[in-house]
Amino acid sequence: MTESKIRPLAFTESFHFSCSQAVPCFNDCCRDLNQSLTPYDVLRLKNGLGLPSNLFLERFTTLHTGPESGLPVAAFKTDPMRGHACPFVSASGCRVYENRPSSCRMYPLARAVSRCRATGAVNQHFALLTESHCCGHYQKASQTVADWLKRQGLKPYIYHNDLLLALIHKKNKMKPGALDSGAQHRFQLALYDLDAFRERVFTKEFEPISIDPATFDQARTDDAALLQVGICWLMETVFNG
């Protein structure tokens, strides 16, 4: 049985960890997988693979309703014949490493956010997750939390994932519980099936939303901007933002 320990870490606090083919457990964390994907994860993966969003979702993911959020959640589709391994893991490592999901980049750190009621400022909190099967913690490499976030390229992931958290917070406030089928479809379209959403935004009648015109125009060719349009659209048309 895997035993886990969680220790809070300050942003400038150091920890020991390194993962490479040199560690005995290399690739073990990519098996027996039950991994959810954020909309920005899907965006990066489908673009990295050169696939339209609908084909990526069909080939590599399943969609289910989150038990806590009541929202559609995408997860990797795994093969039980391969030990429920990630569809992109190989003997030499991750085949989509440059566009790997945020949870892969963040590990072995865990991140949580809280919002100050008085100022509305968002505070982030970090912890080190130590699992008994992971040999990465016994390596000599040392870095701070800040170093790790920068090295793993987490800045855009954190930015877009926090936008999603704000949307979930609004949803839970305005419409707790599961969404109706129409709202479920809108959520899936705007945040996961971005190529189909772009067609709706720019080639069909689209409800006006209060988003920066420059961001809206950028969304014609930039999926990250389009994701921001989608979040704003859901805030204002589904969750009464």
Protein backbone atom coordinates (compact mmCIF):
# COMPACT_ATOMS: atom_id res chain seq x y z
CA MET A 1 0.00 0.00 0.00
CA THR A 2 1.26 3.47 -0.89
CA GLU A 3 1.65 5.78 2.09
CA SER A 4 1.52 9.53 1.59
CA LYS A 5 2.64 12.46 3.69
CA ILE A 6 1.86 16.12 3.10
CA ARG A 7 4.05 18.91 4.46
CA PRO A 8 3.25 22.62 3.96
CA LEU A 9 5.95 24.58 2.14
CA ALA A 10 6.60 28.31 1.94
CA PHE A 11 7.11 29.82 -1.52
CA THR A 12 10.85 30.29 -0.90
CA GLU A 13 11.35 27.01 1.00
CA SER A 14 13.59 24.31 -0.49
CA PHE A 15 12.85 20.62 -1.00
CA HIS A 16 14.71 17.66 -2.52
CA PHE A 17 13.25 16.06 -5.63
CA SER A 18 14.28 14.96 -9.10
CA CYS A 19 12.71 12.63 -11.66
CA SER A 20 14.56 11.02 -14.57
CA GLN A 21 15.23 7.65 -16.17
CA ALA A 22 17.88 7.19 -13.48
CA VAL A 23 15.34 6.73 -10.67
CA PRO A 24 14.03 3.17 -10.13
CA CYS A 25 10.37 4.21 -10.18
CA PHE A 26 10.58 6.08 -13.51
CA ASN A 27 7.18 6.02 -15.29
CA ASP A 28 5.41 4.34 -12.33
CA CYS A 29 3.35 7.47 -11.66
CA CYS A 30 2.08 7.30 -15.25
CA ARG A 31 0.35 3.96 -14.61
CA ASP A 32 -2.76 2.95 -12.68
CA LEU A 33 -3.94 6.40 -13.67
CA ASN A 34 -7.09 8.37 -12.92
CA GLN A 35 -6.08 11.81 -14.15
CA SER A 36 -8.41 14.73 -14.73
CA LEU A 37 -7.50 17.38 -17.29
CA THR A 38 -8.19 21.09 -17.04
CA PRO A 39 -9.38 22.99 -20.12
CA TYR A 40 -5.92 24.52 -20.50
CA ASP A 41 -4.39 21.02 -20.34
CA VAL A 42 -6.63 19.94 -23.22
CA LEU A 43 -5.78 23.10 -25.17
CA ARG A 44 -2.04 22.50 -24.91
CA LEU A 45 -2.23 18.78 -25.62
CA LYS A 46 -4.47 18.98 -28.70
CA ASN A 47 -2.40 21.81 -30.17
CA GLY A 48 0.85 19.98 -29.44
CA LEU A 49 -0.48 16.91 -31.23
CA GLY A 50 -1.87 18.98 -34.11
CA LEU A 51 -5.40 17.66 -33.60
CA PRO A 52 -8.74 19.49 -33.63
CA SER A 53 -10.33 19.53 -30.21
CA ASN A 54 -13.16 17.13 -31.07
CA LEU A 55 -10.74 14.44 -32.32
CA PHE A 56 -8.44 14.83 -29.31
CA LEU A 57 -11.37 14.50 -26.92
CA GLU A 58 -12.75 11.47 -28.76
CA ARG A 59 -9.44 9.60 -28.99
CA PHE A 60 -7.81 10.33 -25.67
CA THR A 61 -10.41 11.39 -23.08
CA THR A 62 -13.61 10.50 -21.33
CA LEU A 63 -16.06 13.03 -19.92
CA HIS A 64 -17.85 12.66 -16.60
CA THR A 65 -19.59 14.94 -14.11
CA GLY A 66 -17.45 16.00 -11.17
CA PRO A 67 -19.05 14.80 -7.91
CA GLU A 68 -18.20 18.02 -6.07
CA SER A 69 -18.46 20.66 -8.81
CA GLY A 70 -21.35 19.17 -10.78
CA LEU A 71 -19.46 20.21 -13.92
CA PRO A 72 -18.18 18.22 -16.91
CA VAL A 73 -14.63 16.96 -16.33
CA ALA A 74 -12.30 15.48 -18.94
CA ALA A 75 -9.95 12.66 -17.96
CA PHE A 76 -7.42 10.58 -19.84
CA LYS A 77 -8.85 7.45 -21.46
CA THR A 78 -6.68 4.58 -20.21
CA ASP A 79 -6.28 1.00 -21.39
CA PRO A 80 -6.76 -1.68 -18.70
CA MET A 81 -4.60 -4.02 -20.81
CA ARG A 82 -1.69 -1.61 -20.23
CA GLY A 83 -2.30 -1.25 -16.51
CA HIS A 84 -4.43 1.87 -16.99
CA ALA A 85 -1.32 3.72 -18.16
CA CYS A 86 -1.38 7.24 -19.55
CA PRO A 87 -1.96 7.05 -23.33
CA PHE A 88 1.22 9.08 -23.86
CA VAL A 89 3.71 7.21 -21.69
CA SER A 90 6.48 5.19 -23.33
CA ALA A 91 9.48 3.25 -22.04
CA SER A 92 11.62 6.35 -22.51
CA GLY A 93 9.16 8.68 -20.78
CA CYS A 94 6.38 11.11 -21.70
CA ARG A 95 5.71 11.50 -25.43
CA VAL A 96 3.99 14.85 -24.89
CA TYR A 97 6.40 16.22 -22.29
CA GLU A 98 6.44 19.78 -23.68
CA ASN A 99 2.65 19.94 -23.28
CA ARG A 100 2.16 17.63 -20.28
CA PRO A 101 -0.78 18.45 -17.96
CA SER A 102 -0.45 20.82 -15.03
CA SER A 103 -0.81 18.05 -12.44
CA CYS A 104 2.24 16.29 -13.95
CA ARG A 105 4.21 19.54 -13.90
CA MET A 106 3.24 20.40 -10.34
CA TYR A 107 4.09 17.01 -8.78
CA PRO A 108 5.38 16.48 -6.09
CA LEU A 109 3.87 19.79 -5.02
CA ALA A 110 0.22 20.40 -4.24
CA ARG A 111 -1.29 23.87 -4.63
CA ALA A 112 -4.41 25.38 -3.11
CA VAL A 113 -5.82 28.90 -3.33
CA SER A 114 -7.89 31.02 -0.99
CA ARG A 115 -9.51 34.39 -1.48
CA CYS A 116 -9.43 37.21 1.08
CA ARG A 117 -13.01 38.26 1.85
CA ALA A 118 -11.98 41.83 2.62
CA THR A 119 -9.84 42.57 -0.46
CA GLY A 120 -10.68 39.77 -2.87
CA ALA A 121 -6.96 39.02 -3.23
CA VAL A 122 -6.07 35.42 -4.10
CA ASN A 123 -3.50 33.70 -1.91
CA GLN A 124 -1.76 30.48 -2.90
CA HIS A 125 -0.58 27.74 -0.56
CA PHE A 126 1.83 24.92 -1.32
CA ALA A 127 2.62 21.55 0.22
CA LEU A 128 5.05 18.74 -0.55
CA LEU A 129 3.44 15.37 -1.27
CA THR A 130 5.72 12.46 -0.32
CA GLU A 131 4.56 9.03 -1.48
CA SER A 132 6.36 5.90 -0.29
CA HIS A 133 6.73 4.45 -3.80
CA CYS A 134 8.40 7.58 -5.24
CA CYS A 135 12.21 7.56 -5.27
CA GLY A 136 12.46 11.14 -6.54
CA HIS A 137 12.55 12.46 -2.99
CA TYR A 138 15.87 10.71 -2.34
CA GLN A 139 17.73 12.53 -5.11
CA LYS A 140 20.25 15.29 -4.36
CA ALA A 141 18.62 17.99 -6.46
CA SER A 142 17.25 20.82 -4.33
CA GLN A 143 15.04 23.75 -5.31
CA THR A 144 12.54 26.18 -3.86
CA VAL A 145 8.84 26.15 -4.67
CA ALA A 146 9.40 29.27 -6.78
CA ASP A 147 12.23 27.54 -8.69
CA TRP A 148 10.07 24.49 -9.35
CA LEU A 149 7.13 26.47 -10.71
CA LYS A 150 9.41 28.36 -13.08
CA ARG A 151 11.35 25.28 -14.20
CA GLN A 152 8.16 23.35 -14.91
CA GLY A 153 6.62 26.15 -16.96
CA LEU A 154 3.57 26.40 -14.71
CA LYS A 155 2.80 30.12 -15.02
CA PRO A 156 0.24 29.92 -17.88
CA TYR A 157 -1.30 26.77 -16.40
CA ILE A 158 -1.80 28.43 -13.01
CA TYR A 159 -3.25 31.55 -14.64
CA HIS A 160 -5.88 29.70 -16.66
CA ASN A 161 -6.64 27.16 -13.93
CA ASP A 162 -7.33 30.00 -11.50
CA LEU A 163 -9.78 31.51 -14.00
CA LEU A 164 -11.52 28.14 -14.01
CA LEU A 165 -11.61 28.10 -10.19
CA ALA A 166 -13.28 31.51 -10.22
CA LEU A 167 -15.89 30.14 -12.63
CA ILE A 168 -16.49 27.10 -10.41
CA HIS A 169 -16.85 29.38 -7.38
CA LYS A 170 -19.46 31.45 -9.23
CA LYS A 171 -21.27 28.32 -10.37
CA ASN A 172 -21.42 26.87 -6.85
CA LYS A 173 -22.79 30.17 -5.57
CA MET A 174 -25.41 30.64 -8.29
CA LYS A 175 -26.28 27.06 -9.27
CA PRO A 176 -25.14 24.46 -6.73
CA GLY A 177 -25.42 20.84 -7.77
CA ALA A 178 -25.45 19.29 -11.23
CA LEU A 179 -26.21 21.44 -14.27
CA ASP A 180 -29.06 20.79 -16.69
CA SER A 181 -28.18 19.28 -20.07
CA GLY A 182 -28.14 22.64 -21.87
CA ALA A 183 -25.69 24.19 -19.41
CA GLN A 184 -23.58 21.02 -19.45
CA HIS A 185 -23.32 21.29 -23.24
CA ARG A 186 -22.31 24.96 -23.08
CA PHE A 187 -19.64 24.23 -20.50
CA GLN A 188 -18.19 21.36 -22.53
CA LEU A 189 -18.28 23.41 -25.75
CA ALA A 190 -16.72 26.60 -24.39
CA LEU A 191 -13.94 25.05 -22.34
CA TYR A 192 -13.05 21.74 -23.99
CA ASP A 193 -14.21 21.70 -27.62
CA LEU A 194 -12.54 25.00 -28.47
CA ASP A 195 -12.50 24.59 -32.23
CA ALA A 196 -16.27 24.12 -32.32
CA PHE A 197 -16.67 27.03 -29.88
CA ARG A 198 -14.63 29.32 -32.14
CA GLU A 199 -17.02 28.53 -34.99
CA ARG A 200 -19.96 29.50 -32.79
CA VAL A 201 -18.31 32.72 -31.63
CA PHE A 202 -17.18 34.03 -35.01
CA THR A 203 -19.41 32.48 -37.64
CA LYS A 204 -22.78 32.35 -35.91
CA GLU A 205 -24.94 34.64 -33.83
CA PHE A 206 -23.19 35.06 -30.47
CA GLU A 207 -24.41 36.75 -27.30
CA PRO A 208 -22.50 39.97 -26.47
CA ILE A 209 -20.27 39.63 -23.40
CA SER A 210 -18.29 42.16 -21.40
CA ILE A 211 -14.77 41.11 -22.37
CA ASP A 212 -11.86 43.24 -23.51
CA PRO A 213 -12.25 43.79 -27.30
CA ALA A 214 -8.56 43.07 -27.88
CA THR A 215 -8.86 39.68 -26.16
CA PHE A 216 -12.00 38.90 -28.15
CA ASP A 217 -10.28 39.73 -31.44
CA GLN A 218 -7.18 37.74 -30.44
CA ALA A 219 -9.41 34.72 -29.85
CA ARG A 220 -9.87 34.39 -33.63
CA THR A 221 -6.47 32.70 -33.80
CA ASP A 222 -5.31 32.24 -30.17
CA ASP A 223 -6.83 29.39 -28.17
CA ALA A 224 -5.69 30.80 -24.81
CA ALA A 225 -7.63 34.01 -25.53
CA LEU A 226 -10.58 31.92 -26.75
CA LEU A 227 -10.58 30.05 -23.45
CA GLN A 228 -10.90 33.39 -21.64
CA VAL A 229 -13.84 34.26 -23.91
CA GLY A 230 -15.43 30.93 -23.02
CA ILE A 231 -15.09 31.49 -19.29
CA CYS A 232 -16.56 34.99 -19.58
CA TRP A 233 -19.40 33.67 -21.74
CA LEU A 234 -20.28 31.01 -19.16
CA MET A 235 -20.06 33.49 -16.31
CA GLU A 236 -22.55 35.80 -17.98
CA THR A 237 -24.92 33.46 -19.81
CA VAL A 238 -25.06 30.38 -17.57
CA PHE A 239 -24.00 31.47 -14.10
CA ASN A 240 -25.47 34.98 -14.18
CA GLY A 241 -22.07 36.64 -13.66
